[in-house]
Amino acid sequence: MSNTIWIINQFAGKSDSGWGERHHFLSKYWVKKGYEVKIISGSYNHLFIDQPITKGKNFTIEEVEKGITFCWVKIPKYNPNSIFKFLYMLLFTSKLFFLNKKTLGCPSVIIISSMPIFSVFPAYVKAKINKAKLIFEIRDLWPETPIHLKGYSTRNPFIATLKLIEKFAYRKSENIVSLLPNAYNYVNRISKKPNKFKYIPNGIDENLIKNENLSDLTISLIPKDKFIVGYAGTIGLANTMEFFIDCAILMKNNKNIHFVLVGDGYLKEEFQIQTKDSNNITFIPKIKKSQVQNMLKYFDVCYVGRYNSPLYDHGVSYNKYFDYMLAKKIILESSNFIKDPVELSGCGIIVEPENAQAINDGIIKIYNMPENERKEIGLKGYTYVKKYHNFDYLSDQYVELF
């Protein structure tokens, strides 16, 4: 019997892509356990630092290491804020129907990772043809995300269509893996089969992360002799960065505390304009995943936030949690209490969401802590993430389904 796993995820990346490394890291452990892995991803991702080199019109096969092959599906370069991003999701989906055994072998398991959700149709067809097990993996709930974060009506034709696809995906998959711990009620209500659901979160593995030094230029941008409140990640809607920026403006007269934002995103330019008169905030361009731990060494406290939205009642699985926790840093979180890693591990403090003054108060509280107390709190996160979020442990959770 074949022990080949196909993973269909348009935004999957290699360990050096700078984004979407989850499936590559899991694959390293699946290979050790006797599996061969084929990761099917898009040839362009606006979040990648290094884009793959592709040949031909449809598929480029790249064996990245023994047992792990990437199949890059050719799609054009796109603007992430344009409709073409959505159209190229459909293009990616349409090309999947032409994948064959000659290209990738015969799968025993097919994992379809959403978003995009449309790829479930070719995945379902391929699973039927190859008599493979179909596992639907939910990284984000769609269409719940645009409903709650962007105000789309449930009667919107696009949302209604996504609802139908979601129902098809949940009903036709043999298992449903969620990165969100509290999503079972939502998923089970649609799938009608609670035994399908399994929670397997995001993770991190210090054994797999290359420890690459920061450039001298990047280091020169980091203020010295300041208490650094840092954020590393996408500067966009989902991370409530506007309240973090408002807090920085509130604190612009505090000469001891400085805000550092590392990353890119469509709101970055707007925030730079908004804070042009503030001397207490520094924007640093996106760095490689392999450089993140060295960046976090310069932070005294790490920030993460989200909106006061029922969307997050299902839970979250932000990668930045695990980066911060692996670095043994105390975390300041602007959020409701939803049993997330900060709450469960006790590695930080949680303040009211969507409230710049609450973030301000949280920073002052951490600033006034003795340094050894901050280190003790940060160490709790490190211990927790090593136990429950390492990729060897998570890969075993999948193998139980295989």
Protein backbone atom coordinates (compact mmCIF):
# COMPACT_ATOMS: atom_id res chain seq x y z
CA MET A 1 0.00 0.00 0.00
CA SER A 2 1.20 3.51 -0.83
CA ASN A 3 2.43 5.69 2.04
CA THR A 4 2.30 8.88 0.00
CA ILE A 5 0.73 12.04 1.41
CA TRP A 6 -0.48 14.81 -0.86
CA ILE A 7 -0.88 18.22 0.79
CA ILE A 8 -2.84 20.78 -1.22
CA ASN A 9 -2.17 24.26 0.14
CA GLN A 10 -1.76 27.15 -2.30
CA PHE A 11 0.22 29.14 0.25
CA ALA A 12 2.55 26.40 1.56
CA GLY A 13 6.23 27.30 1.59
CA LYS A 14 9.60 25.70 2.17
CA SER A 15 11.49 26.31 5.39
CA ASP A 16 13.38 29.16 3.69
CA SER A 17 10.37 30.75 1.94
CA GLY A 18 9.62 33.08 4.84
CA TRP A 19 5.99 32.00 5.12
CA GLY A 20 3.78 28.90 5.33
CA GLU A 21 6.37 26.43 6.61
CA ARG A 22 3.94 24.33 8.72
CA HIS A 23 3.54 21.48 6.27
CA HIS A 24 7.21 21.35 5.35
CA PHE A 25 8.15 21.05 9.03
CA LEU A 26 5.51 18.37 9.65
CA SER A 27 6.75 16.51 6.57
CA LYS A 28 10.24 16.17 7.99
CA TYR A 29 8.80 14.02 10.79
CA TRP A 30 6.37 12.12 8.56
CA VAL A 31 9.32 11.06 6.39
CA LYS A 32 11.04 9.69 9.50
CA LYS A 33 7.87 7.68 10.17
CA GLY A 34 7.88 6.04 6.74
CA TYR A 35 5.85 8.42 4.59
CA GLU A 36 6.64 10.21 1.35
CA VAL A 37 5.22 13.74 1.08
CA LYS A 38 4.16 15.80 -1.93
CA ILE A 39 3.30 19.43 -1.15
CA ILE A 40 1.25 21.13 -3.88
CA SER A 41 1.51 24.91 -3.67
CA GLY A 42 1.19 28.04 -5.79
CA SER A 43 4.21 29.28 -7.76
CA TYR A 44 3.77 32.80 -6.37
CA ASN A 45 2.97 33.98 -2.84
CA HIS A 46 3.10 37.69 -1.99
CA LEU A 47 4.20 36.77 1.55
CA PHE A 48 7.25 34.75 0.45
CA ILE A 49 10.68 36.32 0.83
CA ASP A 50 12.10 33.89 -1.74
CA GLN A 51 9.82 32.89 -4.62
CA PRO A 52 10.23 29.41 -6.15
CA ILE A 53 11.91 29.01 -9.52
CA THR A 54 9.42 27.48 -11.94
CA LYS A 55 9.47 26.09 -15.47
CA GLY A 56 6.68 25.41 -17.96
CA LYS A 57 3.02 26.39 -17.97
CA ASN A 58 1.51 24.23 -15.24
CA PHE A 59 3.69 22.24 -12.82
CA THR A 60 7.29 22.42 -11.60
CA ILE A 61 8.53 19.52 -9.50
CA GLU A 62 11.20 20.30 -6.90
CA GLU A 63 12.58 17.63 -4.58
CA VAL A 64 13.68 19.72 -1.63
CA GLU A 65 15.01 16.80 0.42
CA LYS A 66 14.73 13.05 0.60
CA GLY A 67 11.05 12.10 0.78
CA ILE A 68 9.71 15.66 0.39
CA THR A 69 8.72 17.07 -3.00
CA PHE A 70 7.09 20.39 -3.81
CA CYS A 71 4.85 20.67 -6.84
CA TRP A 72 4.62 24.36 -7.78
CA VAL A 73 1.40 25.09 -9.66
CA LYS A 74 1.99 27.97 -12.08
CA ILE A 75 -0.02 31.11 -11.27
CA PRO A 76 0.80 34.73 -12.25
CA LYS A 77 2.14 37.31 -9.85
CA TYR A 78 -0.70 39.26 -8.23
CA ASN A 79 -1.43 42.30 -6.09
CA PRO A 80 -2.66 40.96 -2.71
CA ASN A 81 -5.29 43.72 -2.49
CA SER A 82 -6.78 43.12 -5.94
CA ILE A 83 -9.46 40.76 -7.20
CA PHE A 84 -6.74 38.87 -9.08
CA LYS A 85 -5.68 37.18 -5.84
CA PHE A 86 -9.14 35.59 -5.69
CA LEU A 87 -9.16 34.77 -9.42
CA TYR A 88 -5.79 33.05 -9.16
CA MET A 89 -7.15 30.90 -6.34
CA LEU A 90 -9.66 29.62 -8.89
CA LEU A 91 -6.88 29.19 -11.47
CA PHE A 92 -4.83 27.19 -8.96
CA THR A 93 -7.90 25.03 -8.21
CA SER A 94 -8.64 24.36 -11.89
CA LYS A 95 -5.08 23.16 -12.57
CA LEU A 96 -5.27 20.62 -9.74
CA PHE A 97 -7.64 18.48 -11.81
CA PHE A 98 -4.71 17.78 -14.16
CA LEU A 99 -2.42 16.37 -11.49
CA ASN A 100 -1.73 12.68 -12.11
CA LYS A 101 0.06 9.66 -10.68
CA LYS A 102 2.89 10.06 -13.17
CA THR A 103 3.63 13.51 -11.73
CA LEU A 104 3.21 12.82 -8.02
CA GLY A 105 2.61 9.13 -7.47
CA CYS A 106 -0.48 7.51 -5.98
CA PRO A 107 -1.59 9.11 -2.69
CA SER A 108 -2.92 7.20 0.28
CA VAL A 109 -3.83 10.43 2.08
CA ILE A 110 -4.81 13.83 0.69
CA ILE A 111 -4.80 16.84 3.01
CA ILE A 112 -6.58 19.91 1.66
CA SER A 113 -5.67 23.00 3.68
CA SER A 114 -7.97 26.03 3.63
CA MET A 115 -7.95 28.90 2.69
CA PRO A 116 -8.52 28.73 -0.30
CA ILE A 117 -11.46 26.40 0.18
CA PHE A 118 -12.22 25.78 -3.51
CA SER A 119 -9.46 23.19 -3.85
CA VAL A 120 -11.63 20.68 -2.00
CA PHE A 121 -13.34 19.79 -5.30
CA PRO A 122 -10.26 18.47 -7.16
CA ALA A 123 -8.99 16.98 -3.88
CA TYR A 124 -12.25 15.05 -3.48
CA VAL A 125 -12.06 13.79 -7.09
CA LYS A 126 -8.43 12.69 -6.68
CA ALA A 127 -9.23 10.98 -3.38
CA LYS A 128 -12.04 9.00 -5.03
CA ILE A 129 -9.89 7.98 -8.02
CA ASN A 130 -6.96 6.90 -5.83
CA LYS A 131 -9.07 5.49 -2.96
CA ALA A 132 -7.21 7.88 -0.67
CA LYS A 133 -8.28 9.26 2.67
CA LEU A 134 -9.40 12.91 2.45
CA ILE A 135 -8.55 15.19 5.38
CA PHE A 136 -9.79 18.78 5.41
CA GLU A 137 -7.56 21.11 7.42
CA ILE A 138 -8.94 24.45 8.63
CA ARG A 139 -6.36 27.18 9.19
CA ASP A 140 -9.02 29.92 9.23
CA LEU A 141 -12.79 29.66 9.27
CA TRP A 142 -14.25 30.72 5.94
CA PRO A 143 -16.65 32.38 5.38
CA GLU A 144 -16.77 33.35 9.08
CA THR A 145 -13.62 35.47 8.76
CA PRO A 146 -14.93 37.95 6.12
CA ILE A 147 -18.34 38.01 7.83
CA HIS A 148 -16.94 39.09 11.20
CA LEU A 149 -13.85 41.08 10.19
CA LYS A 150 -15.09 42.79 7.04
CA GLY A 151 -18.81 42.98 7.68
CA TYR A 152 -20.04 40.84 4.79
CA SER A 153 -23.70 39.85 4.95
CA THR A 154 -24.57 36.17 5.14
CA ARG A 155 -26.90 36.87 2.18
CA ASN A 156 -24.01 38.07 0.03
CA PRO A 157 -23.79 35.70 -3.01
CA PHE A 158 -20.04 35.20 -2.48
CA ILE A 159 -20.56 34.31 1.20
CA ALA A 160 -23.50 32.03 0.37
CA THR A 161 -21.34 30.20 -2.18
CA LEU A 162 -18.54 29.75 0.36
CA LYS A 163 -21.07 28.36 2.82
CA LEU A 164 -22.09 25.70 0.31
CA ILE A 165 -18.47 24.78 -0.42
CA GLU A 166 -17.74 24.64 3.31
CA LYS A 167 -20.67 22.27 3.83
CA PHE A 168 -19.44 20.05 0.99
CA ALA A 169 -15.91 20.00 2.44
CA TYR A 170 -17.01 19.08 5.96
CA ARG A 171 -19.45 16.41 4.82
CA LYS A 172 -17.18 14.71 2.24
CA SER A 173 -13.95 14.67 4.25
CA GLU A 174 -13.20 11.64 6.41
CA ASN A 175 -11.52 13.84 9.03
CA ILE A 176 -11.55 17.56 9.78
CA VAL A 177 -8.43 18.98 11.38
CA SER A 178 -8.75 22.41 12.98
CA LEU A 179 -5.91 24.66 14.09
CA LEU A 180 -8.52 26.42 16.24
CA PRO A 181 -9.16 24.62 19.56
CA ASN A 182 -12.75 25.77 20.13
CA ALA A 183 -14.08 25.32 16.57
CA TYR A 184 -15.67 21.92 17.23
CA ASN A 185 -19.19 23.24 17.88
CA TYR A 186 -19.18 25.23 14.65
CA VAL A 187 -17.69 22.39 12.60
CA ASN A 188 -19.79 19.61 14.12
CA ARG A 189 -22.99 21.54 13.49
CA ILE A 190 -22.19 21.46 9.76
CA SER A 191 -20.49 18.08 9.42
CA LYS A 192 -23.12 16.29 11.55
CA LYS A 193 -20.36 13.87 12.64
CA PRO A 194 -18.47 15.00 15.79
CA ASN A 195 -16.05 12.06 15.53
CA LYS A 196 -14.53 13.66 12.42
CA PHE A 197 -13.11 16.64 14.34
CA LYS A 198 -9.53 16.75 15.62
CA TYR A 199 -7.63 19.75 17.00
CA ILE A 200 -4.02 19.94 15.81
CA PRO A 201 -2.58 23.43 16.38
CA ASN A 202 0.26 25.31 14.80
CA GLY A 203 3.69 24.67 16.17
CA ILE A 204 7.37 25.42 16.21
CA ASP A 205 10.52 23.36 16.50
CA GLU A 206 13.83 24.90 17.45
CA ASN A 207 15.58 21.84 16.00
CA LEU A 208 14.26 22.79 12.54
CA ILE A 209 14.77 26.55 12.65
CA LYS A 210 17.95 27.88 11.14
CA ASN A 211 19.45 30.55 13.37
CA GLU A 212 20.48 33.21 10.87
CA ASN A 213 22.06 36.45 12.04
CA LEU A 214 20.43 39.80 11.39
CA SER A 215 22.15 42.13 8.95
CA ASP A 216 24.17 45.00 10.37
CA LEU A 217 21.70 47.39 8.74
CA THR A 218 18.74 45.76 10.52
CA ILE A 219 20.54 45.83 13.87
CA SER A 220 21.35 49.52 13.37
CA LEU A 221 17.61 50.28 13.12
CA ILE A 222 16.88 48.88 16.60
CA PRO A 223 17.05 51.61 19.29
CA LYS A 224 19.60 51.06 22.04
CA ASP A 225 19.11 51.67 25.76
CA LYS A 226 15.31 51.60 25.44
CA PHE A 227 12.61 49.29 26.78
CA ILE A 228 11.45 47.68 23.53
CA VAL A 229 7.80 46.76 22.97
CA GLY A 230 7.99 44.63 19.85
CA TYR A 231 5.75 43.09 17.24
CA ALA A 232 6.89 40.74 14.48
CA GLY A 233 4.41 39.70 11.80
CA THR A 234 1.99 40.94 9.19
CA ILE A 235 0.93 44.56 9.59
CA GLY A 236 -2.69 44.11 8.60
CA LEU A 237 -6.30 43.95 9.68
CA ALA A 238 -6.32 40.68 11.63
CA ASN A 239 -3.81 41.77 14.28
CA THR A 240 -5.54 44.96 15.54
CA MET A 241 -2.42 46.96 14.87
CA GLU A 242 -4.32 50.26 14.79
CA PHE A 243 -4.75 50.09 18.59
CA PHE A 244 -1.06 49.27 19.03
CA ILE A 245 -0.24 52.33 16.93
CA ASP A 246 -2.68 54.46 18.94
CA CYS A 247 -0.93 53.30 22.10
CA ALA A 248 2.46 54.28 20.68
CA ILE A 249 1.09 57.76 19.95
CA LEU A 250 -0.33 57.96 23.49
CA MET A 251 3.13 57.15 24.87
CA LYS A 252 5.20 59.32 22.53
CA ASN A 253 6.41 61.50 25.41
CA ASN A 254 7.76 58.51 27.35
CA LYS A 255 11.50 58.60 26.60
CA ASN A 256 12.22 55.14 28.01
CA ILE A 257 9.78 53.00 26.02
CA HIS A 258 10.08 52.40 22.28
CA PHE A 259 7.86 50.48 19.85
CA VAL A 260 9.38 48.30 17.12
CA LEU A 261 7.27 46.75 14.36
CA VAL A 262 8.98 44.13 12.17
CA GLY A 263 7.20 43.08 9.01
CA ASP A 264 5.22 44.27 6.02
CA GLY A 265 1.54 44.57 5.19
CA TYR A 266 -1.00 46.76 3.48
CA LEU A 267 -1.51 48.99 6.56
CA LYS A 268 2.19 49.70 7.08
CA GLU A 269 2.38 52.81 4.93
CA GLU A 270 -0.75 54.24 6.54
CA PHE A 271 0.72 53.70 10.02
CA GLN A 272 4.03 55.28 9.01
CA ILE A 273 2.18 58.41 7.90
CA GLN A 274 0.09 58.39 11.07
CA THR A 275 3.19 58.25 13.31
CA LYS A 276 5.51 60.55 11.35
CA ASP A 277 5.59 63.00 14.27
CA SER A 278 6.35 60.30 16.86
CA ASN A 279 9.95 59.51 17.77
CA ASN A 280 9.11 56.42 19.79
CA ILE A 281 8.27 54.00 16.98
CA THR A 282 10.46 52.20 14.43
CA PHE A 283 9.33 50.18 11.41
CA ILE A 284 11.70 47.45 10.24
CA PRO A 285 11.17 45.57 6.95
CA LYS A 286 10.17 41.91 6.96
CA ILE A 287 12.96 39.51 7.88
CA LYS A 288 13.43 35.81 7.23
CA LYS A 289 11.81 33.24 9.51
CA SER A 290 15.31 32.02 10.32
CA GLN A 291 16.17 35.49 11.68
CA VAL A 292 13.12 36.00 13.90
CA GLN A 293 14.62 34.51 17.07
CA ASN A 294 17.63 36.78 16.79
CA MET A 295 15.31 39.79 16.37
CA LEU A 296 13.24 38.83 19.42
CA LYS A 297 16.37 38.94 21.60
CA TYR A 298 16.16 42.72 21.35
CA PHE A 299 12.54 42.87 22.59
CA ASP A 300 11.65 43.27 26.26
CA VAL A 301 7.98 42.44 25.71
CA CYS A 302 6.17 41.06 22.65
CA TYR A 303 2.74 42.21 21.55
CA VAL A 304 -0.15 40.28 20.02
CA GLY A 305 -3.73 41.49 19.63
CA ARG A 306 -7.09 40.76 18.08
CA TYR A 307 -10.55 42.22 17.83
CA ASN A 308 -13.45 41.87 20.24
CA SER A 309 -15.23 39.55 17.82
CA PRO A 310 -17.15 36.28 18.19
CA LEU A 311 -14.91 34.94 15.40
CA TYR A 312 -12.18 34.40 17.98
CA ASP A 313 -14.42 32.43 20.31
CA HIS A 314 -13.40 29.47 18.13
CA GLY A 315 -9.80 29.97 19.21
CA VAL A 316 -6.64 31.10 17.46
CA SER A 317 -3.35 29.57 16.37
CA TYR A 318 -1.07 32.46 15.49
CA ASN A 319 2.50 31.45 14.66
CA LYS A 320 3.78 34.57 16.37
CA TYR A 321 2.71 33.12 19.75
CA PHE A 322 5.16 30.30 19.30
CA ASP A 323 7.97 32.51 18.02
CA TYR A 324 7.56 34.71 21.10
CA MET A 325 7.30 31.78 23.51
CA LEU A 326 10.33 30.00 22.05
CA ALA A 327 12.28 33.21 22.64
CA LYS A 328 11.23 33.10 26.33
CA LYS A 329 9.66 36.53 26.09
CA ILE A 330 6.82 37.87 28.21
CA ILE A 331 3.77 38.58 26.03
CA LEU A 332 1.34 41.46 26.22
CA GLU A 333 -1.94 40.37 24.66
CA SER A 334 -4.90 42.60 23.81
CA SER A 335 -7.75 40.11 23.72
CA ASN A 336 -10.68 38.43 25.36
CA PHE A 337 -9.99 35.30 27.40
CA ILE A 338 -10.46 32.34 25.01
CA LYS A 339 -8.02 29.72 26.37
CA ASP A 340 -5.23 30.69 24.00
CA PRO A 341 -1.52 29.84 24.56
CA VAL A 342 -0.83 32.96 26.64
CA GLU A 343 -3.72 32.24 28.96
CA LEU A 344 -3.04 28.50 29.19
CA SER A 345 0.69 28.87 29.84
CA GLY A 346 0.59 32.01 31.97
CA CYS A 347 3.39 33.54 29.89
CA GLY A 348 2.07 37.09 29.80
CA ILE A 349 -0.71 39.46 30.69
CA ILE A 350 -3.98 39.93 28.85
CA VAL A 351 -5.69 43.30 28.59
CA GLU A 352 -9.02 44.44 27.17
CA PRO A 353 -9.16 44.28 23.34
CA GLU A 354 -9.55 47.31 21.06
CA ASN A 355 -8.35 49.64 23.81
CA ALA A 356 -5.14 51.65 23.37
CA GLN A 357 -5.23 52.86 26.99
CA ALA A 358 -5.45 49.26 28.25
CA ILE A 359 -2.41 48.38 26.13
CA ASN A 360 -0.64 51.42 27.58
CA ASP A 361 -1.44 50.28 31.13
CA GLY A 362 -0.26 46.75 30.37
CA ILE A 363 3.07 48.02 29.02
CA ILE A 364 3.62 50.17 32.12
CA LYS A 365 2.82 47.21 34.36
CA ILE A 366 5.39 45.02 32.60
CA TYR A 367 7.93 47.87 32.46
CA ASN A 368 7.70 48.24 36.26
CA MET A 369 8.23 44.50 36.87
CA PRO A 370 11.63 43.36 38.11
CA GLU A 371 13.59 41.86 35.20
CA ASN A 372 13.79 38.43 36.86
CA GLU A 373 9.98 38.35 37.14
CA ARG A 374 9.61 39.07 33.42
CA LYS A 375 12.07 36.27 32.67
CA GLU A 376 10.19 33.80 34.90
CA ILE A 377 6.92 34.58 33.13
CA GLY A 378 8.58 34.25 29.70
CA LEU A 379 10.06 30.88 30.69
CA LYS A 380 6.54 29.52 31.30
CA GLY A 381 5.78 30.07 27.62
CA TYR A 382 8.96 28.33 26.54
CA THR A 383 8.18 25.27 28.65
CA TYR A 384 4.62 25.12 27.35
CA VAL A 385 5.45 25.50 23.65
CA LYS A 386 8.20 22.86 23.85
CA LYS A 387 5.73 20.36 25.29
CA TYR A 388 2.54 20.96 23.32
CA HIS A 389 3.56 22.65 20.08
CA ASN A 390 6.65 20.88 18.78
CA PHE A 391 6.28 19.39 15.30
CA ASP A 392 7.29 15.87 16.31
CA TYR A 393 4.36 15.74 18.73
CA LEU A 394 1.99 17.35 16.21
CA SER A 395 3.06 15.00 13.40
CA ASP A 396 2.05 12.06 15.59
CA GLN A 397 -1.43 13.55 15.96
CA TYR A 398 -1.80 13.41 12.17
CA VAL A 399 -0.38 9.90 11.92
CA GLU A 400 -3.21 8.70 14.17
CA LEU A 401 -5.59 9.87 11.41
CA PHE A 402 -3.55 8.40 8.54
